[in-house]
Amino acid sequence: MAAEDRLVKTMAEYPDLPLRDVVFRTLRKGILCEDLKPGERLMEIQLANRLGVSRTPVREAIRMLELEGLVVNLPRRGAQVAKITAKDLHDVLEVRKGLDQMAFELAVERITEEELEALFAASREFERLVENADVTSLAEADEAFHAIIYQATGNKRLVQLINNLREQMYRYRVEYLKNRSNLQNLIQEHDQLWQSLKNRDAVGGSEAMGAHIEHQMAGILDSL
C-alpha cells in the first residue's frame, strides 16, 4: 500500500476523536512507521490536501509533534521529520535508564500480588504477539508491561515525569522492535524483571533494568 494511502487509512482509525487529534495521531504514526521519512519536509498545504482537512489541524498537529521531538522547525526550511541521532538517542535513554531504575527500586517495596500477576500477564501477552504482530502492537505491549511497574511505585510525580518522556521514548522503542532478532531477548529481560520483583530483589532488578535500557541503546545505534 502506498504511503499516501496508509496515511488516509490511518485517519479512519480514530472516528471519535477531535480532528486535531486525528491528524496528530495520523502524522505521528506516519513518522514512526516511516511513511514520512526522517528529513522529509512537512508542508501544511500538501498535508492538508493529502488528508482532506484544512491547514489549521495540520499546523496544530505539527506543533504537538515538535514537543515530542518527532518534528523539528528549521530556519528557512520549515518543519521536517526529525532525524534520529546518536546524541538524541543517548540523551533520552540516559534519562529513561535513571527513571526506570528508580521506579523499579520503589516498585520492589510496594508492588502488590495483583500487580505482579498483571505484570506476568503483560509479559506473556508480549510473547504471544512476537510471532505475528506488527511493530506498533509490540510497542504498545512493551509500554503496557513497563506501565505496570511505574504504577506500582505509587509515586504520582515519578509517573508524571516518565509519562512526559514517554512519547520521545516511543520512537526509539519502535526502532528497536523493528529488528525482530531483538524480540526473544526482550521476552527474557521482561521475565527477569518480573522474577526480580517477585523476589523483592532491588539490587539485581535495578541492574537488570539498566542492562535492559543499554541493550536497546546499543541495538538502535547498530541500526543507525
C-alpha atoms as a PDB file:
ATOM      1  CA  MET A   1       0.000   0.000   0.000  1.00  0.00           C
ATOM      2  CA  ALA A   2       1.357   3.433  -0.913  1.00  0.00           C
ATOM      3  CA  ALA A   3       2.387   5.738   1.930  1.00  0.00           C
ATOM      4  CA  GLU A   4      -0.326   8.221   0.983  1.00  0.00           C
ATOM      5  CA  ASP A   5      -2.984   5.506   1.135  1.00  0.00           C
ATOM      6  CA  ARG A   6      -1.707   4.355   4.543  1.00  0.00           C
ATOM      7  CA  LEU A   7      -1.978   7.872   5.962  1.00  0.00           C
ATOM      8  CA  VAL A   8      -5.553   8.220   4.741  1.00  0.00           C
ATOM      9  CA  LYS A   9      -6.379   4.770   6.126  1.00  0.00           C
ATOM     10  CA  THR A  10      -4.906   5.759   9.491  1.00  0.00           C
ATOM     11  CA  MET A  11      -7.272   8.751   9.622  1.00  0.00           C
ATOM     12  CA  ALA A  12     -10.179   6.316   9.750  1.00  0.00           C
ATOM     13  CA  GLU A  13      -8.794   4.567  12.847  1.00  0.00           C
ATOM     14  CA  TYR A  14      -9.842   7.430  15.144  1.00  0.00           C
ATOM     15  CA  PRO A  15     -13.505   8.165  14.336  1.00  0.00           C
ATOM     16  CA  ASP A  16     -14.409   9.502  17.792  1.00  0.00           C
ATOM     17  CA  LEU A  17     -11.525  11.939  18.326  1.00  0.00           C
ATOM     18  CA  PRO A  18     -11.396  15.672  17.572  1.00  0.00           C
ATOM     19  CA  LEU A  19      -9.958  16.394  14.126  1.00  0.00           C
ATOM     20  CA  ARG A  20      -6.761  17.918  15.530  1.00  0.00           C
ATOM     21  CA  ASP A  21      -6.045  14.709  17.475  1.00  0.00           C
ATOM     22  CA  VAL A  22      -6.879  12.558  14.447  1.00  0.00           C
ATOM     23  CA  VAL A  23      -4.372  14.469  12.308  1.00  0.00           C
ATOM     24  CA  PHE A  24      -1.790  14.385  15.089  1.00  0.00           C
ATOM     25  CA  ARG A  25      -2.063  10.619  15.546  1.00  0.00           C
ATOM     26  CA  THR A  26      -2.054  10.057  11.806  1.00  0.00           C
ATOM     27  CA  LEU A  27       1.126  12.061  11.255  1.00  0.00           C
ATOM     28  CA  ARG A  28       2.722  10.557  14.346  1.00  0.00           C
ATOM     29  CA  LYS A  29       2.075   7.025  13.132  1.00  0.00           C
ATOM     30  CA  GLY A  30       3.298   8.020   9.678  1.00  0.00           C
ATOM     31  CA  ILE A  31       6.587   9.186  11.176  1.00  0.00           C
ATOM     32  CA  LEU A  32       7.045   6.151  13.412  1.00  0.00           C
ATOM     33  CA  CYS A  33       6.270   3.768  10.537  1.00  0.00           C
ATOM     34  CA  GLU A  34       8.453   5.859   8.193  1.00  0.00           C
ATOM     35  CA  ASP A  35       5.716   6.661   5.718  1.00  0.00           C
ATOM     36  CA  LEU A  36       7.031  10.143   6.474  1.00  0.00           C
ATOM     37  CA  LYS A  37      10.815   9.774   6.272  1.00  0.00           C
ATOM     38  CA  PRO A  38      13.457  11.390   8.517  1.00  0.00           C
ATOM     39  CA  GLY A  39      14.366  14.754   6.982  1.00  0.00           C
ATOM     40  CA  GLU A  40      11.154  14.953   4.920  1.00  0.00           C
ATOM     41  CA  ARG A  41       9.599  18.425   4.867  1.00  0.00           C
ATOM     42  CA  LEU A  42       6.095  18.731   6.265  1.00  0.00           C
ATOM     43  CA  MET A  43       4.264  21.209   4.056  1.00  0.00           C
ATOM     44  CA  GLU A  44       0.976  22.290   5.632  1.00  0.00           C
ATOM     45  CA  ILE A  45      -0.899  22.775   2.349  1.00  0.00           C
ATOM     46  CA  GLN A  46       0.276  19.482   0.859  1.00  0.00           C
ATOM     47  CA  LEU A  47      -0.532  17.517   4.017  1.00  0.00           C
ATOM     48  CA  ALA A  48      -3.927  19.181   4.345  1.00  0.00           C
ATOM     49  CA  ASN A  49      -4.792  18.246   0.765  1.00  0.00           C
ATOM     50  CA  ARG A  50      -3.453  14.747   1.243  1.00  0.00           C
ATOM     51  CA  LEU A  51      -5.564  14.156   4.350  1.00  0.00           C
ATOM     52  CA  GLY A  52      -8.609  16.075   3.174  1.00  0.00           C
ATOM     53  CA  VAL A  53      -8.580  18.620   6.014  1.00  0.00           C
ATOM     54  CA  SER A  54      -7.897  22.324   6.453  1.00  0.00           C
ATOM     55  CA  ARG A  55      -4.448  23.688   7.328  1.00  0.00           C
ATOM     56  CA  THR A  56      -5.374  24.513  10.942  1.00  0.00           C
ATOM     57  CA  PRO A  57      -5.424  20.944  12.386  1.00  0.00           C
ATOM     58  CA  VAL A  58      -2.260  20.149  10.405  1.00  0.00           C
ATOM     59  CA  ARG A  59      -0.494  23.181  11.885  1.00  0.00           C
ATOM     60  CA  GLU A  60      -1.624  22.241  15.407  1.00  0.00           C
ATOM     61  CA  ALA A  61      -0.542  18.623  14.931  1.00  0.00           C
ATOM     62  CA  ILE A  62       2.910  19.681  13.731  1.00  0.00           C
ATOM     63  CA  ARG A  63       3.348  21.832  16.851  1.00  0.00           C
ATOM     64  CA  MET A  64       2.421  18.855  19.041  1.00  0.00           C
ATOM     65  CA  LEU A  65       4.906  16.670  17.174  1.00  0.00           C
ATOM     66  CA  GLU A  66       7.613  19.278  17.786  1.00  0.00           C
ATOM     67  CA  LEU A  67       7.004  18.937  21.533  1.00  0.00           C
ATOM     68  CA  GLU A  68       7.547  15.187  21.227  1.00  0.00           C
ATOM     69  CA  GLY A  69      10.792  15.637  19.342  1.00  0.00           C
ATOM     70  CA  LEU A  70       9.427  13.927  16.230  1.00  0.00           C
ATOM     71  CA  VAL A  71       9.483  17.148  14.198  1.00  0.00           C
ATOM     72  CA  VAL A  72      11.995  19.999  14.056  1.00  0.00           C
ATOM     73  CA  ASN A  73      11.415  23.516  12.713  1.00  0.00           C
ATOM     74  CA  LEU A  74      14.477  24.829  10.891  1.00  0.00           C
ATOM     75  CA  PRO A  75      15.116  28.419   9.784  1.00  0.00           C
ATOM     76  CA  ARG A  76      14.221  28.987   6.118  1.00  0.00           C
ATOM     77  CA  ARG A  77      13.322  25.309   5.730  1.00  0.00           C
ATOM     78  CA  GLY A  78      10.279  24.963   7.948  1.00  0.00           C
ATOM     79  CA  ALA A  79       9.038  21.829   9.666  1.00  0.00           C
ATOM     80  CA  GLN A  80      10.530  18.457   8.836  1.00  0.00           C
ATOM     81  CA  VAL A  81      10.615  14.988  10.324  1.00  0.00           C
ATOM     82  CA  ALA A  82      13.393  14.830  12.906  1.00  0.00           C
ATOM     83  CA  LYS A  83      16.289  12.537  12.182  1.00  0.00           C
ATOM     84  CA  ILE A  84      17.387  10.060  14.798  1.00  0.00           C
ATOM     85  CA  THR A  85      20.857  10.987  16.005  1.00  0.00           C
ATOM     86  CA  ALA A  86      23.183   9.161  18.360  1.00  0.00           C
ATOM     87  CA  LYS A  87      23.222  12.206  20.680  1.00  0.00           C
ATOM     88  CA  ASP A  88      19.419  12.403  20.915  1.00  0.00           C
ATOM     89  CA  LEU A  89      19.216   8.658  21.482  1.00  0.00           C
ATOM     90  CA  HIS A  90      21.794   8.779  24.249  1.00  0.00           C
ATOM     91  CA  ASP A  91      20.172  11.773  25.968  1.00  0.00           C
ATOM     92  CA  VAL A  92      16.684  10.266  26.010  1.00  0.00           C
ATOM     93  CA  LEU A  93      17.674   6.742  27.043  1.00  0.00           C
ATOM     94  CA  GLU A  94      20.127   8.032  29.666  1.00  0.00           C
ATOM     95  CA  VAL A  95      17.210   9.799  31.388  1.00  0.00           C
ATOM     96  CA  ARG A  96      14.944   6.804  30.893  1.00  0.00           C
ATOM     97  CA  LYS A  97      17.510   4.487  32.467  1.00  0.00           C
ATOM     98  CA  GLY A  98      17.705   6.602  35.605  1.00  0.00           C
ATOM     99  CA  LEU A  99      13.938   6.949  35.953  1.00  0.00           C
ATOM    100  CA  ASP A 100      13.241   3.290  35.231  1.00  0.00           C
ATOM    101  CA  GLN A 101      15.800   2.115  37.769  1.00  0.00           C
ATOM    102  CA  MET A 102      14.304   4.436  40.390  1.00  0.00           C
ATOM    103  CA  ALA A 103      10.827   3.166  39.529  1.00  0.00           C
ATOM    104  CA  PHE A 104      11.962  -0.441  39.830  1.00  0.00           C
ATOM    105  CA  GLU A 105      13.536   0.101  43.249  1.00  0.00           C
ATOM    106  CA  LEU A 106      10.331   1.714  44.545  1.00  0.00           C
ATOM    107  CA  ALA A 107       8.172  -0.979  42.950  1.00  0.00           C
ATOM    108  CA  VAL A 108      10.150  -3.707  44.734  1.00  0.00           C
ATOM    109  CA  GLU A 109       8.959  -2.237  48.047  1.00  0.00           C
ATOM    110  CA  ARG A 110       5.366  -1.517  47.026  1.00  0.00           C
ATOM    111  CA  ILE A 111       4.139  -3.846  44.288  1.00  0.00           C
ATOM    112  CA  THR A 112       1.094  -5.923  45.201  1.00  0.00           C
ATOM    113  CA  GLU A 113       0.384  -9.542  44.352  1.00  0.00           C
ATOM    114  CA  GLU A 114      -2.317  -8.381  41.951  1.00  0.00           C
ATOM    115  CA  GLU A 115       0.170  -6.121  40.177  1.00  0.00           C
ATOM    116  CA  LEU A 116       2.694  -8.964  39.992  1.00  0.00           C
ATOM    117  CA  GLU A 117       0.044 -11.115  38.341  1.00  0.00           C
ATOM    118  CA  ALA A 118      -0.790  -8.312  35.905  1.00  0.00           C
ATOM    119  CA  LEU A 119       2.908  -7.886  35.088  1.00  0.00           C
ATOM    120  CA  PHE A 120       3.295 -11.592  34.385  1.00  0.00           C
ATOM    121  CA  ALA A 121       0.203 -11.494  32.154  1.00  0.00           C
ATOM    122  CA  ALA A 122       1.641  -8.473  30.294  1.00  0.00           C
ATOM    123  CA  SER A 123       4.895 -10.318  29.662  1.00  0.00           C
ATOM    124  CA  ARG A 124       3.013 -13.309  28.278  1.00  0.00           C
ATOM    125  CA  GLU A 125       0.927 -11.022  26.074  1.00  0.00           C
ATOM    126  CA  PHE A 126       4.104  -9.513  24.621  1.00  0.00           C
ATOM    127  CA  GLU A 127       5.453 -13.026  23.991  1.00  0.00           C
ATOM    128  CA  ARG A 128       2.187 -14.001  22.293  1.00  0.00           C
ATOM    129  CA  LEU A 129       2.399 -11.032  19.936  1.00  0.00           C
ATOM    130  CA  VAL A 130       6.003 -11.683  18.917  1.00  0.00           C
ATOM    131  CA  GLU A 131       5.135 -14.213  16.224  1.00  0.00           C
ATOM    132  CA  ASN A 132       2.823 -12.199  14.015  1.00  0.00           C
ATOM    133  CA  ALA A 133       2.107  -8.738  15.416  1.00  0.00           C
ATOM    134  CA  ASP A 134       3.196  -5.505  13.792  1.00  0.00           C
ATOM    135  CA  VAL A 135       5.713  -3.185  15.424  1.00  0.00           C
ATOM    136  CA  THR A 136       3.043  -0.803  16.730  1.00  0.00           C
ATOM    137  CA  SER A 137       1.250  -3.596  18.615  1.00  0.00           C
ATOM    138  CA  LEU A 138       4.531  -4.840  20.063  1.00  0.00           C
ATOM    139  CA  ALA A 139       5.473  -1.321  21.176  1.00  0.00           C
ATOM    140  CA  GLU A 140       2.109  -0.900  22.896  1.00  0.00           C
ATOM    141  CA  ALA A 141       2.525  -4.259  24.658  1.00  0.00           C
ATOM    142  CA  ASP A 142       6.029  -3.306  25.790  1.00  0.00           C
ATOM    143  CA  GLU A 143       4.706   0.027  27.087  1.00  0.00           C
ATOM    144  CA  ALA A 144       1.918  -1.768  28.951  1.00  0.00           C
ATOM    145  CA  PHE A 145       4.456  -4.018  30.691  1.00  0.00           C
ATOM    146  CA  HIS A 146       6.538  -1.090  31.924  1.00  0.00           C
ATOM    147  CA  ALA A 147       3.453   0.949  32.865  1.00  0.00           C
ATOM    148  CA  ILE A 148       2.550  -1.644  35.499  1.00  0.00           C
ATOM    149  CA  ILE A 149       5.950  -1.192  37.135  1.00  0.00           C
ATOM    150  CA  TYR A 150       5.549   2.592  37.091  1.00  0.00           C
ATOM    151  CA  GLN A 151       2.097   2.450  38.671  1.00  0.00           C
ATOM    152  CA  ALA A 152       3.371   0.039  41.318  1.00  0.00           C
ATOM    153  CA  THR A 153       5.690   2.775  42.647  1.00  0.00           C
ATOM    154  CA  GLY A 154       2.672   4.652  43.991  1.00  0.00           C
ATOM    155  CA  ASN A 155       4.606   7.850  43.201  1.00  0.00           C
ATOM    156  CA  LYS A 156       2.468  10.120  41.045  1.00  0.00           C
ATOM    157  CA  ARG A 157       5.255  12.629  40.433  1.00  0.00           C
ATOM    158  CA  LEU A 158       7.597   9.956  39.143  1.00  0.00           C
ATOM    159  CA  VAL A 159       4.892   8.512  36.896  1.00  0.00           C
ATOM    160  CA  GLN A 160       4.218  12.008  35.560  1.00  0.00           C
ATOM    161  CA  LEU A 161       7.910  12.540  34.751  1.00  0.00           C
ATOM    162  CA  ILE A 162       8.081   9.209  32.956  1.00  0.00           C
ATOM    163  CA  ASN A 163       4.891   9.948  31.021  1.00  0.00           C
ATOM    164  CA  ASN A 164       6.306  13.303  29.927  1.00  0.00           C
ATOM    165  CA  LEU A 165       9.238  11.442  28.388  1.00  0.00           C
ATOM    166  CA  ARG A 166       7.175   8.524  27.089  1.00  0.00           C
ATOM    167  CA  GLU A 167       6.432   9.936  23.644  1.00  0.00           C
ATOM    168  CA  GLN A 168      10.089  10.664  22.970  1.00  0.00           C
ATOM    169  CA  MET A 169      10.981   7.162  24.148  1.00  0.00           C
ATOM    170  CA  TYR A 170       8.321   5.634  21.919  1.00  0.00           C
ATOM    171  CA  ARG A 171      10.210   6.345  18.705  1.00  0.00           C
ATOM    172  CA  TYR A 172      13.301   4.569  19.980  1.00  0.00           C
ATOM    173  CA  ARG A 173      11.213   1.683  21.286  1.00  0.00           C
ATOM    174  CA  VAL A 174       9.749   1.242  17.802  1.00  0.00           C
ATOM    175  CA  GLU A 175      13.196   1.397  16.191  1.00  0.00           C
ATOM    176  CA  TYR A 176      14.443  -1.353  18.494  1.00  0.00           C
ATOM    177  CA  LEU A 177      11.440  -3.570  17.873  1.00  0.00           C
ATOM    178  CA  LYS A 178      11.816  -3.329  14.098  1.00  0.00           C
ATOM    179  CA  ASN A 179      14.749  -5.717  14.383  1.00  0.00           C
ATOM    180  CA  ARG A 180      12.966  -8.956  15.174  1.00  0.00           C
ATOM    181  CA  SER A 181      16.185 -10.587  16.358  1.00  0.00           C
ATOM    182  CA  ASN A 182      15.830  -8.428  19.496  1.00  0.00           C
ATOM    183  CA  LEU A 183      12.434  -9.814  20.465  1.00  0.00           C
ATOM    184  CA  GLN A 184      13.469 -13.047  22.175  1.00  0.00           C
ATOM    185  CA  ASN A 185      15.951 -11.073  24.283  1.00  0.00           C
ATOM    186  CA  LEU A 186      13.148  -8.735  25.306  1.00  0.00           C
ATOM    187  CA  ILE A 187      10.986 -11.652  26.436  1.00  0.00           C
ATOM    188  CA  GLN A 188      13.824 -12.942  28.609  1.00  0.00           C
ATOM    189  CA  GLU A 189      14.508  -9.488  30.034  1.00  0.00           C
ATOM    190  CA  HIS A 190      10.835  -8.971  30.881  1.00  0.00           C
ATOM    191  CA  ASP A 191      10.808 -12.316  32.688  1.00  0.00           C
ATOM    192  CA  GLN A 192      13.965 -11.405  34.599  1.00  0.00           C
ATOM    193  CA  LEU A 193      12.423  -8.120  35.730  1.00  0.00           C
ATOM    194  CA  TRP A 194       9.251  -9.887  36.843  1.00  0.00           C
ATOM    195  CA  GLN A 195      11.231 -12.504  38.762  1.00  0.00           C
ATOM    196  CA  SER A 196      13.306  -9.817  40.496  1.00  0.00           C
ATOM    197  CA  LEU A 197      10.148  -8.018  41.593  1.00  0.00           C
ATOM    198  CA  LYS A 198       8.611 -11.271  42.802  1.00  0.00           C
ATOM    199  CA  ASN A 199      11.778 -11.993  44.807  1.00  0.00           C
ATOM    200  CA  ARG A 200      11.942  -8.373  46.081  1.00  0.00           C
ATOM    201  CA  ASP A 201      15.465  -8.149  44.655  1.00  0.00           C
ATOM    202  CA  ALA A 202      16.061  -4.407  44.352  1.00  0.00           C
ATOM    203  CA  VAL A 203      19.774  -4.574  43.525  1.00  0.00           C
ATOM    204  CA  GLY A 204      19.638  -7.346  40.939  1.00  0.00           C
ATOM    205  CA  GLY A 205      16.459  -5.980  39.394  1.00  0.00           C
ATOM    206  CA  SER A 206      17.792  -2.441  39.115  1.00  0.00           C
ATOM    207  CA  GLU A 207      20.904  -3.787  37.381  1.00  0.00           C
ATOM    208  CA  ALA A 208      18.699  -5.832  35.056  1.00  0.00           C
ATOM    209  CA  MET A 209      16.640  -2.734  34.244  1.00  0.00           C
ATOM    210  CA  GLY A 210      19.787  -0.756  33.448  1.00  0.00           C
ATOM    211  CA  ALA A 211      21.027  -3.517  31.163  1.00  0.00           C
ATOM    212  CA  HIS A 212      17.586  -3.680  29.529  1.00  0.00           C
ATOM    213  CA  ILE A 213      17.851   0.004  28.529  1.00  0.00           C
ATOM    214  CA  GLU A 214      21.511  -0.269  27.488  1.00  0.00           C
ATOM    215  CA  HIS A 215      20.694  -3.187  25.173  1.00  0.00           C
ATOM    216  CA  GLN A 216      18.082  -1.024  23.459  1.00  0.00           C
ATOM    217  CA  MET A 217      20.547   1.812  23.052  1.00  0.00           C
ATOM    218  CA  ALA A 218      23.183  -0.489  21.532  1.00  0.00           C
ATOM    219  CA  GLY A 219      20.633  -2.142  19.240  1.00  0.00           C
ATOM    220  CA  ILE A 220      19.344   1.151  17.876  1.00  0.00           C
ATOM    221  CA  LEU A 221      22.853   2.555  17.414  1.00  0.00           C
ATOM    222  CA  ASP A 222      23.698  -0.502  15.309  1.00  0.00           C
ATOM    223  CA  SER A 223      20.770   0.286  13.032  1.00  0.00           C
ATOM    224  CA  LEU A 224      21.607   3.971  12.516  1.00  0.00           C
END
